[in-house]
Protein backbone atom coordinates (compact mmCIF):
# COMPACT_ATOMS: atom_id res chain seq x y z
CA UNK A 1 -23.41 -0.39 0.38
CA UNK A 2 -23.30 -4.01 1.53
CA UNK A 3 -25.30 -5.06 4.58
CA UNK A 4 -22.23 -6.87 5.86
CA UNK A 5 -20.04 -3.76 5.71
CA UNK A 6 -18.83 -2.08 8.88
CA UNK A 7 -20.19 1.30 7.78
CA UNK A 8 -23.66 -0.17 7.22
CA UNK A 9 -23.55 -1.71 10.68
CA UNK A 10 -22.44 1.62 12.17
CA UNK A 11 -25.30 3.48 10.45
CA UNK A 12 -27.83 0.91 11.66
CA UNK A 13 -26.36 1.05 15.16
CA UNK A 14 -26.47 4.86 15.31
CA UNK A 15 -30.01 4.86 13.90
CA UNK A 16 -31.17 2.31 16.47
CA UNK A 17 -29.54 4.29 19.26
CA UNK A 18 -31.20 7.45 17.97
CA UNK A 19 -34.56 5.64 17.71
CA UNK A 20 -34.25 4.18 21.20
CA UNK A 21 -33.30 7.58 22.60
CA UNK A 22 -36.16 9.31 20.79
CA UNK A 23 -38.66 6.68 21.97
CA UNK A 24 -37.37 6.97 25.53
CA UNK A 25 -37.63 10.76 25.44
CA UNK A 26 -41.08 10.63 23.83
CA UNK A 27 -42.30 8.08 26.39
CA UNK A 28 -40.91 10.14 29.27
CA UNK A 29 -42.51 13.30 27.86
CA UNK A 30 -45.86 11.50 27.49
CA UNK A 31 -45.80 10.30 31.08
CA UNK A 32 -44.64 13.68 32.33
CA UNK A 33 -47.21 15.56 30.27
CA UNK A 34 -50.03 13.31 31.52
CA UNK A 35 -48.99 13.92 35.13
CA UNK A 36 -48.57 17.63 34.44
CA UNK A 37 -51.95 17.85 32.70
CA UNK A 38 -53.80 16.14 35.58
CA UNK A 39 -52.03 18.40 38.08
CA UNK A 40 -53.08 21.41 36.06
CA UNK A 41 -56.65 20.06 35.98
CA UNK A 42 -56.55 19.64 39.71
CA UNK A 43 -55.24 23.18 40.17
CA UNK A 44 -57.96 24.49 37.84
CA UNK A 45 -60.70 22.67 39.73
CA UNK A 46 -59.26 23.80 43.02
CA UNK A 47 -59.23 27.47 42.00
CA UNK A 48 -62.76 27.29 40.59
CA UNK A 49 -64.05 25.45 43.65
CA UNK A 50 -63.29 28.53 45.73
CA UNK A 51 -65.94 30.46 43.79
CA UNK A 52 -68.46 27.67 44.34
CA UNK A 53 -67.49 27.41 48.02
CA UNK A 54 -68.23 31.12 48.57
CA UNK A 55 -71.61 30.80 46.84
CA UNK A 56 -72.43 27.65 48.83
CA UNK A 57 -71.56 29.35 52.17
CA UNK A 58 -73.72 32.30 51.18
CA UNK A 59 -76.54 29.91 50.35
CA UNK A 60 -76.19 28.11 53.68
CA UNK A 61 -75.85 31.30 55.74
CA UNK A 62 -78.48 33.57 54.20
CA UNK A 63 -82.00 32.91 52.98
CA UNK A 64 -81.76 29.64 51.14
CA UNK A 65 -84.67 30.23 48.76
CA UNK A 66 -83.34 33.55 47.51
CA UNK A 67 -79.75 32.34 47.09
CA UNK A 68 -80.34 28.88 45.57
CA UNK A 69 -80.72 30.33 42.09
CA UNK A 70 -77.54 32.35 42.57
CA UNK A 71 -75.69 29.18 43.60
CA UNK A 72 -76.98 27.35 40.53
CA UNK A 73 -75.91 30.20 38.29
CA UNK A 74 -72.43 30.07 39.77
CA UNK A 75 -72.34 26.29 39.35
CA UNK A 76 -73.46 26.58 35.72
CA UNK A 77 -70.80 29.20 35.00
CA UNK A 78 -68.02 27.19 36.61
CA UNK A 79 -69.27 23.97 35.00
CA UNK A 80 -69.00 25.48 31.54
CA UNK A 81 -65.66 27.08 32.41
CA UNK A 82 -63.98 23.83 33.47
CA UNK A 83 -66.09 21.49 31.31
CA UNK A 84 -67.24 19.49 34.31
CA UNK A 85 -70.45 18.67 36.16
CA UNK A 86 -70.69 19.94 39.73
CA UNK A 87 -72.45 18.45 42.75
CA UNK A 88 -72.71 20.00 46.18
CA UNK A 89 -73.40 17.84 49.23
CA UNK A 90 -73.86 18.63 52.90
CA UNK A 91 -71.56 17.58 55.70
CA UNK A 92 -72.92 14.02 55.81
CA UNK A 93 -72.82 13.47 52.03
CA UNK A 94 -76.37 14.26 50.85
CA UNK A 95 -76.49 16.15 47.54
CA UNK A 96 -78.63 19.29 47.49
CA UNK A 97 -77.46 20.98 44.27
CA UNK A 98 -76.32 19.73 40.83
CA UNK A 99 -75.23 21.62 37.71
CA UNK A 100 -76.30 19.06 35.11
CA UNK A 101 -79.56 17.32 34.36
CA UNK A 102 -77.59 14.09 33.82
CA UNK A 103 -76.83 14.04 37.54
CA UNK A 104 -80.35 14.87 38.80
CA UNK A 105 -80.65 11.35 40.18
CA UNK A 106 -77.91 12.25 42.67
CA UNK A 107 -80.04 15.09 44.11
CA UNK A 108 -81.18 14.53 47.68
CA UNK A 109 -79.31 11.22 47.74
CA UNK A 110 -76.27 10.15 49.70
CA UNK A 111 -73.00 10.01 47.79
CA UNK A 112 -71.89 7.16 50.08
CA UNK A 113 -68.42 8.60 50.53
CA UNK A 114 -66.33 6.11 52.55
CA UNK A 115 -65.50 7.15 56.09
CA UNK A 116 -61.77 7.25 55.32
CA UNK A 117 -62.24 9.74 52.49
CA UNK A 118 -64.74 11.74 54.57
CA UNK A 119 -62.17 12.13 57.34
CA UNK A 120 -59.62 13.38 54.77
CA UNK A 121 -62.14 15.97 53.56
CA UNK A 122 -62.88 17.06 57.14
CA UNK A 123 -59.16 17.73 57.54
CA UNK A 124 -59.46 20.30 54.70
CA UNK A 125 -57.78 18.14 52.04
CA UNK A 126 -58.96 17.43 48.53
CA UNK A 127 -59.45 13.99 46.97
CA UNK A 128 -58.92 13.11 43.32
CA UNK A 129 -60.08 10.01 41.45
CA UNK A 130 -58.41 9.81 38.06
CA UNK A 131 -60.56 7.00 36.72
CA UNK A 132 -64.03 6.32 38.17
CA UNK A 133 -66.73 4.33 36.38
CA UNK A 134 -69.71 6.66 35.78
CA UNK A 135 -73.00 6.60 33.99
CA UNK A 136 -71.46 7.91 30.74
CA UNK A 137 -68.13 6.12 30.94
CA UNK A 138 -65.01 6.72 32.96
CA UNK A 139 -64.81 10.02 34.81
CA UNK A 140 -62.31 12.28 36.52
CA UNK A 141 -63.67 13.20 40.00
CA UNK A 142 -62.42 16.00 42.20
CA UNK A 143 -63.79 16.47 45.75
CA UNK A 144 -62.97 19.37 48.02
CA UNK A 145 -64.49 20.35 51.41
CA UNK A 146 -66.62 23.43 52.23
CA UNK A 147 -65.78 25.17 55.46
CA UNK A 148 -67.84 27.88 57.09
CA UNK A 149 -65.27 29.31 59.41
CA UNK A 150 -63.75 26.30 61.14
CA UNK A 151 -66.82 24.17 60.66
CA UNK A 152 -67.00 21.47 58.00
CA UNK A 153 -70.14 22.37 56.06
CA UNK A 154 -70.19 20.22 52.95
CA UNK A 155 -68.49 18.87 49.88
CA UNK A 156 -68.00 20.13 46.33
CA UNK A 157 -67.78 17.33 43.77
CA UNK A 158 -66.56 18.18 40.26
CA UNK A 159 -66.94 15.46 37.61
CA UNK A 160 -65.28 15.66 34.18
CA UNK A 161 -65.56 13.01 31.45
CA UNK A 162 -62.21 11.27 31.19
CA UNK A 163 -62.67 11.13 27.44
CA UNK A 164 -62.49 14.94 27.17
CA UNK A 165 -59.30 15.01 29.23
CA UNK A 166 -57.79 12.11 27.31
CA UNK A 167 -58.60 13.74 23.98
CA UNK A 168 -56.27 16.61 24.91
CA UNK A 169 -53.64 14.15 26.08
CA UNK A 170 -53.99 12.11 22.88
CA UNK A 171 -53.43 15.23 20.77
CA UNK A 172 -50.37 16.12 22.84
CA UNK A 173 -49.04 12.55 22.58
CA UNK A 174 -49.62 12.58 18.83
CA UNK A 175 -47.48 15.70 18.57
CA UNK A 176 -44.79 14.18 20.83
CA UNK A 177 -44.62 10.84 19.00
CA UNK A 178 -44.87 12.43 15.56
CA UNK A 179 -41.98 14.70 16.51
CA UNK A 180 -40.00 11.67 17.73
CA UNK A 181 -40.72 9.79 14.49
CA UNK A 182 -39.70 12.77 12.35
CA UNK A 183 -36.57 13.19 14.51
CA UNK A 184 -35.68 9.53 13.91
CA UNK A 185 -36.16 9.87 10.13
CA UNK A 186 -34.22 13.14 9.92
CA UNK A 187 -31.53 11.77 12.26
CA UNK A 188 -31.17 8.62 10.15
CA UNK A 189 -30.84 10.72 6.98
CA UNK A 190 -28.26 12.99 8.62
CA UNK A 191 -26.32 9.96 9.94
CA UNK A 192 -26.36 8.37 6.47
CA UNK A 193 -25.13 11.45 4.61
CA UNK A 194 -22.58 12.22 7.32
CA UNK A 195 -21.35 8.62 7.22
CA UNK A 196 -21.28 8.75 3.43
CA UNK A 197 -19.21 11.93 3.45
CA UNK A 198 -16.94 11.08 6.37
CA UNK A 199 -16.73 7.29 6.23
CA UNK A 200 -18.05 5.64 3.08
CA UNK A 201 -16.38 7.86 0.46
CA UNK A 202 -12.93 8.03 2.18
CA UNK A 203 -12.97 4.27 2.85
CA UNK A 204 -13.97 3.62 -0.76
CA UNK A 205 -11.03 5.78 -1.87
CA UNK A 206 -8.67 3.81 0.36
CA UNK A 207 -10.15 0.49 -0.81
CA UNK A 208 -9.83 1.47 -4.49
CA UNK A 209 -6.27 2.70 -3.98
CA UNK A 210 -5.36 -0.51 -2.12
CA UNK A 211 -6.63 -2.61 -5.02
CA UNK A 212 -4.63 -0.54 -7.49
CA UNK A 213 -1.51 -0.97 -5.40
CA UNK A 214 -2.21 -4.72 -5.29
CA UNK A 215 -2.15 -4.62 -9.12
CA UNK A 216 1.27 -3.00 -8.98
CA UNK A 217 0.27 0.66 -9.35
CA UNK A 218 2.50 1.79 -6.49
CA UNK A 219 2.25 5.48 -7.40
CA UNK A 220 -1.33 5.56 -6.09
CA UNK A 221 -2.08 8.14 -3.37
CA UNK A 222 -5.36 9.31 -1.82
CA UNK A 223 -6.51 12.73 -0.71
CA UNK A 224 -8.61 12.87 2.47
CA UNK A 225 -8.72 16.22 4.26
CA UNK A 226 -10.44 15.20 7.51
CA UNK A 227 -8.50 15.46 10.77
CA UNK A 228 -10.12 12.42 12.40
CA UNK A 229 -9.14 8.74 12.47
CA UNK A 230 -10.10 8.35 8.80
CA UNK A 231 -7.71 11.17 7.93
CA UNK A 232 -4.99 9.49 9.99
CA UNK A 233 -5.72 6.21 8.21
CA UNK A 234 -5.42 7.97 4.85
CA UNK A 235 -2.12 9.55 5.89
CA UNK A 236 -0.85 6.17 7.07
CA UNK A 237 -1.99 4.65 3.78
CA UNK A 238 -0.08 7.31 1.84
CA UNK A 239 3.00 6.65 3.96
CA UNK A 240 2.61 2.94 3.19
CA UNK A 241 2.14 3.69 -0.50
CA UNK A 242 5.27 5.84 -0.49
CA UNK A 243 7.17 3.05 1.28
CA UNK A 244 5.92 0.51 -1.26
CA UNK A 245 6.95 2.87 -4.04
CA UNK A 246 10.41 3.11 -2.51
CA UNK A 247 10.55 -0.67 -2.05
CA UNK A 248 9.47 -1.17 -5.65
CA UNK A 249 12.10 1.26 -6.88
CA UNK A 250 14.71 -0.47 -4.72
CA UNK A 251 13.57 -3.85 -6.04
CA UNK A 252 13.91 -2.69 -9.63
CA UNK A 253 17.27 -1.12 -8.89
CA UNK A 254 18.37 -4.30 -7.07
CA UNK A 255 17.39 -6.50 -10.02
CA UNK A 256 19.14 -4.13 -12.40
CA UNK A 257 22.29 -4.02 -10.25
CA UNK A 258 22.39 -7.78 -9.72
CA UNK A 259 21.87 -8.34 -13.44
CA UNK A 260 24.71 -5.92 -14.22
CA UNK A 261 27.02 -7.37 -11.59
CA UNK A 262 26.38 -10.89 -12.84
CA UNK A 263 26.46 -10.03 -16.53
CA UNK A 264 29.88 -8.34 -16.43
CA UNK A 265 31.94 -11.27 -15.05
CA UNK A 266 29.89 -13.85 -16.98
CA UNK A 267 30.49 -11.94 -20.21
CA UNK A 268 34.24 -11.80 -19.47
CA UNK A 269 34.39 -15.49 -18.56
CA UNK A 270 32.41 -16.48 -21.65
CA UNK A 271 34.56 -14.32 -23.93
CA UNK A 272 37.91 -15.57 -22.64
CA UNK A 273 36.85 -19.23 -22.54
CA UNK A 274 35.43 -18.91 -26.07
CA UNK A 275 38.72 -17.33 -27.23
CA UNK A 276 40.75 -20.17 -25.75
CA UNK A 277 38.47 -22.85 -27.22
CA UNK A 278 38.45 -21.20 -30.65
CA UNK A 279 42.22 -20.78 -30.61
CA UNK A 280 41.97 -17.00 -30.91
CA UNK A 281 44.05 -16.57 -27.75
CA UNK A 282 47.65 -17.84 -28.17
CA UNK A 283 48.67 -20.72 -25.95
CA UNK A 284 51.39 -18.69 -24.27
CA UNK A 285 48.66 -16.18 -23.17
CA UNK A 286 46.17 -18.77 -21.93
CA UNK A 287 47.51 -18.73 -18.39
CA UNK A 288 47.11 -14.94 -18.23
CA UNK A 289 43.50 -15.03 -19.41
CA UNK A 290 42.64 -18.02 -17.22
CA UNK A 291 43.87 -15.96 -14.27
CA UNK A 292 41.37 -13.24 -15.29
CA UNK A 293 38.64 -15.89 -15.55
CA UNK A 294 39.57 -17.14 -12.07
CA UNK A 295 39.39 -13.59 -10.67
CA UNK A 296 35.96 -13.11 -12.22
CA UNK A 297 34.70 -16.37 -10.69
CA UNK A 298 36.03 -15.18 -7.35
CA UNK A 299 34.12 -11.93 -7.84
CA UNK A 300 30.97 -13.90 -8.65
CA UNK A 301 31.49 -16.03 -5.57
CA UNK A 302 31.87 -12.93 -3.36
CA UNK A 303 28.75 -11.38 -4.87
CA UNK A 304 26.66 -14.51 -4.28
CA UNK A 305 27.97 -14.93 -0.73
CA UNK A 306 27.24 -11.28 0.03
CA UNK A 307 23.71 -11.59 -1.36
CA UNK A 308 23.12 -14.71 0.72
CA UNK A 309 24.40 -12.92 3.84
CA UNK A 310 22.07 -9.96 3.24
CA UNK A 311 19.10 -12.26 2.62
CA UNK A 312 19.84 -14.22 5.80
CA UNK A 313 20.07 -11.08 7.93
CA UNK A 314 17.06 -9.30 6.43
CA UNK A 315 14.82 -12.35 6.95
CA UNK A 316 15.94 -12.64 10.60
CA UNK A 317 17.52 -16.05 10.11
CA UNK A 318 21.01 -15.00 11.19
CA UNK A 319 22.04 -16.80 14.37
CA UNK A 320 24.77 -15.09 16.36
CA UNK A 321 27.20 -16.98 18.57
CA UNK A 322 28.06 -14.27 21.08
CA UNK A 323 31.28 -14.78 23.00
CA UNK A 324 34.16 -12.89 24.54
CA UNK A 325 36.50 -11.71 21.79
CA UNK A 326 39.83 -9.90 21.98
CA UNK A 327 39.07 -7.00 19.62
CA UNK A 328 42.71 -5.77 19.69
CA UNK A 329 44.03 -9.15 18.53
CA UNK A 330 41.27 -9.43 15.88
CA UNK A 331 42.19 -6.04 14.38
CA UNK A 332 45.82 -7.14 14.09
CA UNK A 333 44.79 -10.44 12.42
CA UNK A 334 42.50 -8.68 9.91
CA UNK A 335 45.22 -6.18 9.01
CA UNK A 336 47.64 -9.01 8.33
CA UNK A 337 45.38 -10.23 5.48
CA UNK A 338 45.86 -6.90 3.67
CA UNK A 339 49.65 -6.73 4.16
CA UNK A 340 50.34 -7.27 0.45
CA UNK A 341 47.91 -4.52 -0.69
CA UNK A 342 49.24 -2.13 1.94
CA UNK A 343 52.82 -2.58 0.80
CA UNK A 344 51.90 -2.53 -2.88
CA UNK A 345 50.09 0.84 -2.59
CA UNK A 346 52.46 2.34 -0.02
CA UNK A 347 49.81 2.91 2.66
CA UNK A 348 50.95 4.22 6.01
CA UNK A 349 48.86 2.32 8.60
CA UNK A 350 48.71 3.71 12.15
CA UNK A 351 47.04 1.44 14.71
CA UNK A 352 46.33 2.90 18.16
CA UNK A 353 44.79 0.35 20.52
CA UNK A 354 43.62 1.49 23.94
CA UNK A 355 44.58 -1.87 25.44
CA UNK A 356 46.78 -4.68 24.14
CA UNK A 357 43.94 -7.09 24.94
CA UNK A 358 40.46 -5.60 25.05
CA UNK A 359 37.47 -7.94 25.20
CA UNK A 360 34.00 -7.43 23.74
CA UNK A 361 30.83 -9.51 23.27
CA UNK A 362 30.31 -10.43 19.60
CA UNK A 363 30.05 -13.22 17.05
CA UNK A 364 33.61 -14.06 16.05
CA UNK A 365 33.05 -14.79 12.35
CA UNK A 366 30.69 -11.86 11.79
CA UNK A 367 32.98 -9.41 13.60
CA UNK A 368 35.87 -10.51 11.35
CA UNK A 369 33.57 -9.78 8.39
CA UNK A 370 32.82 -6.27 9.75
CA UNK A 371 36.45 -5.31 10.36
CA UNK A 372 37.63 -6.87 7.09
CA UNK A 373 34.98 -4.99 5.07
CA UNK A 374 35.77 -1.67 6.75
CA UNK A 375 39.55 -2.03 6.26
CA UNK A 376 38.95 -3.15 2.65
CA UNK A 377 36.74 -0.08 2.12
CA UNK A 378 39.42 2.23 3.58
CA UNK A 379 42.09 0.77 1.29
CA UNK A 380 39.85 1.05 -1.81
CA UNK A 381 38.98 4.70 -1.28
CA UNK A 382 42.26 5.87 0.32
CA UNK A 383 44.86 7.56 -1.85
CA UNK A 384 48.02 5.70 -2.80
CA UNK A 385 50.78 6.31 -0.23
CA UNK A 386 47.97 7.66 1.97
CA UNK A 387 47.23 7.20 5.65
CA UNK A 388 45.03 4.58 7.31
CA UNK A 389 44.31 4.95 11.03
CA UNK A 390 42.63 2.43 13.31
CA UNK A 391 41.76 3.38 16.90
CA UNK A 392 39.94 1.75 19.80
CA UNK A 393 38.56 3.62 22.78
CA UNK A 394 36.23 2.55 25.58
CA UNK A 395 33.52 4.73 27.08
CA UNK A 396 31.04 3.42 29.61
CA UNK A 397 30.05 -0.12 28.67
CA UNK A 398 30.96 0.38 25.01
CA UNK A 399 34.14 0.08 22.95
CA UNK A 400 34.36 2.49 20.01
CA UNK A 401 36.36 1.27 16.99
CA UNK A 402 37.28 3.88 14.35
CA UNK A 403 38.82 3.25 10.90
CA UNK A 404 40.06 6.30 8.99
CA UNK A 405 41.29 6.82 5.44
CA UNK A 406 42.52 10.11 3.95
CA UNK A 407 40.61 9.65 0.68
CA UNK A 408 37.98 12.08 -0.67
CA UNK A 409 35.26 13.27 1.70
CA UNK A 410 31.63 12.30 1.18
CA UNK A 411 28.80 14.57 0.15
CA UNK A 412 25.65 14.75 2.27
CA UNK A 413 23.87 12.53 -0.23
CA UNK A 414 26.70 9.99 -0.22
CA UNK A 415 26.69 9.68 3.59
CA UNK A 416 23.11 8.42 3.28
CA UNK A 417 23.44 6.28 0.15
CA UNK A 418 26.64 4.42 1.08
CA UNK A 419 24.49 2.08 3.19
CA UNK A 420 22.35 1.17 0.15
CA UNK A 421 23.02 -2.10 -1.64
CA UNK A 422 25.23 -1.83 -4.76
CA UNK A 423 25.97 1.85 -4.15
CA UNK A 424 29.53 2.87 -5.00
CA UNK A 425 30.74 6.36 -4.16
CA UNK A 426 33.45 6.22 -6.86
CA UNK A 427 32.60 3.64 -9.55
CA UNK A 428 35.80 4.29 -11.52
CA UNK A 429 37.95 3.20 -8.59
CA UNK A 430 35.93 0.22 -7.35
CA UNK A 431 34.04 -1.19 -10.34
CA UNK A 432 36.15 -4.34 -10.68
CA UNK A 433 36.93 -5.01 -7.03
CA UNK A 434 33.73 -4.07 -5.17
CA UNK A 435 30.25 -5.54 -5.16
CA UNK A 436 28.78 -2.51 -3.42
CA UNK A 437 27.45 -4.77 -0.64
CA UNK A 438 30.22 -4.47 1.96
CA UNK A 439 28.89 -1.52 3.96
CA UNK A 440 25.22 -2.68 3.91
CA UNK A 441 26.41 -6.06 5.29
CA UNK A 442 28.47 -4.30 7.98
CA UNK A 443 25.47 -2.28 9.11
CA UNK A 444 23.16 -5.32 9.14
CA UNK A 445 25.64 -7.36 11.21
CA UNK A 446 26.04 -4.59 13.76
CA UNK A 447 22.26 -4.08 13.89
CA UNK A 448 21.90 -7.79 14.70
CA UNK A 449 24.34 -7.20 17.57
CA UNK A 450 22.24 -4.24 18.75
CA UNK A 451 25.08 -1.86 17.93
CA UNK A 452 25.47 1.13 15.61
CA UNK A 453 27.84 2.46 12.97
CA UNK A 454 28.20 5.91 11.45
CA UNK A 455 30.44 7.83 9.07
CA UNK A 456 31.90 11.33 9.40
CA UNK A 457 34.03 13.58 7.23
CA UNK A 458 37.18 14.77 8.92
CA UNK A 459 37.81 18.52 9.09
CA UNK A 460 40.96 18.58 6.98
CA UNK A 461 40.65 15.52 4.74
CA UNK A 462 39.44 11.95 4.80
CA UNK A 463 36.57 9.88 6.17
CA UNK A 464 36.22 7.94 9.43
CA UNK A 465 33.86 5.04 10.12
CA UNK A 466 33.05 4.37 13.78
CA UNK A 467 31.12 1.46 15.28
CA UNK A 468 30.40 0.28 18.79
CA UNK A 469 30.59 -3.06 20.60
CA UNK A 470 29.56 -4.07 24.11
CA UNK A 471 32.53 -4.23 26.46
CA UNK A 472 33.09 -7.29 28.62
């Protein structure tokens, strides 16, 4: 996995976030635990000081000589219980009892408690010093007052080495930070394997498939079962691959069709010209065969022009000159061009125009191309002596133009494929006169106008093409 890859950056980012979160939690726990531990120590000293207070009051109230040993015993017991040295002073701060030999120098000496702290003690409140410099290092000092009834009678001082308290805190912090470190390591491993399973492997599949498609292997598909964004990306990739496959198939079919459409007339032209040059064709027949050659060149010209039109429209280079056009008059003009074919094949043409002059917005030349192609299509597929019907009807801001022929109906597959380039519903009837590009050009022109066209089979017989134009 490259260090510059997005997945690597995501893993590092998640790991850093996890580490920062773990450190923050561990730090917060350490601070909280230290505060909690000192509070617990204070509570412990406070509860144990009650025992000492009772013994001290007894000592002060009863015979001092007989109860001093009892007081010392109590102090020794509590001292060992809380791991602290204990001093007891009178109401003015002079020490008269100590639990440890190390504090004997405090005996019968003044603790020199500041007046401010002394007033706090006289109010019945305790005082805590978390870090006081002592003879054996830093110390934790807890002072609480002794009251005999309502009278302030002295002070209990409990001194614990800060090192013993900190040793417990250090052990707790070691556990906390070790847990955080392990959590970071485990979290990083989980993130890596999760990313590998959910990100790295699917992305590698997509990357490999993309490279294969780039080499022309358009049948490549990937299988990713996740329902997240990676799964959606894989589905989109498969849709793209399927589209590319379709495009590739269409490209191959297009090349094959163009080659066929070009080869047929070129072969005919070459054969007839060769026959004339070689003298195989009699001179009295040359005019006949030259007419065939001329028709083939016309067919080639139509094919090339149609291909150029499709290329122009598909690349978005078609510029429309929209203007007001009399659609009724244009239909009549386009029909006039097919008058010879209509008479020759005995077609019965019925034109029903909603208005004698009905105006629409369109490009004049392209609209002529649409109507001409649709009428030409109706005449090619209509039966001899059959019926052709052309109707116009307005609805809302649209004019609907319908062109009907009573030829054979279309299958479901044909209604979809007739818009494909070079498709011919009946090759036997149109092979020599159709390029198979008329209807695709019609649809592209109307799409450029923002309009639509569709085809329907009539209930009894025949097919009707209907398209829309914007009404003036």
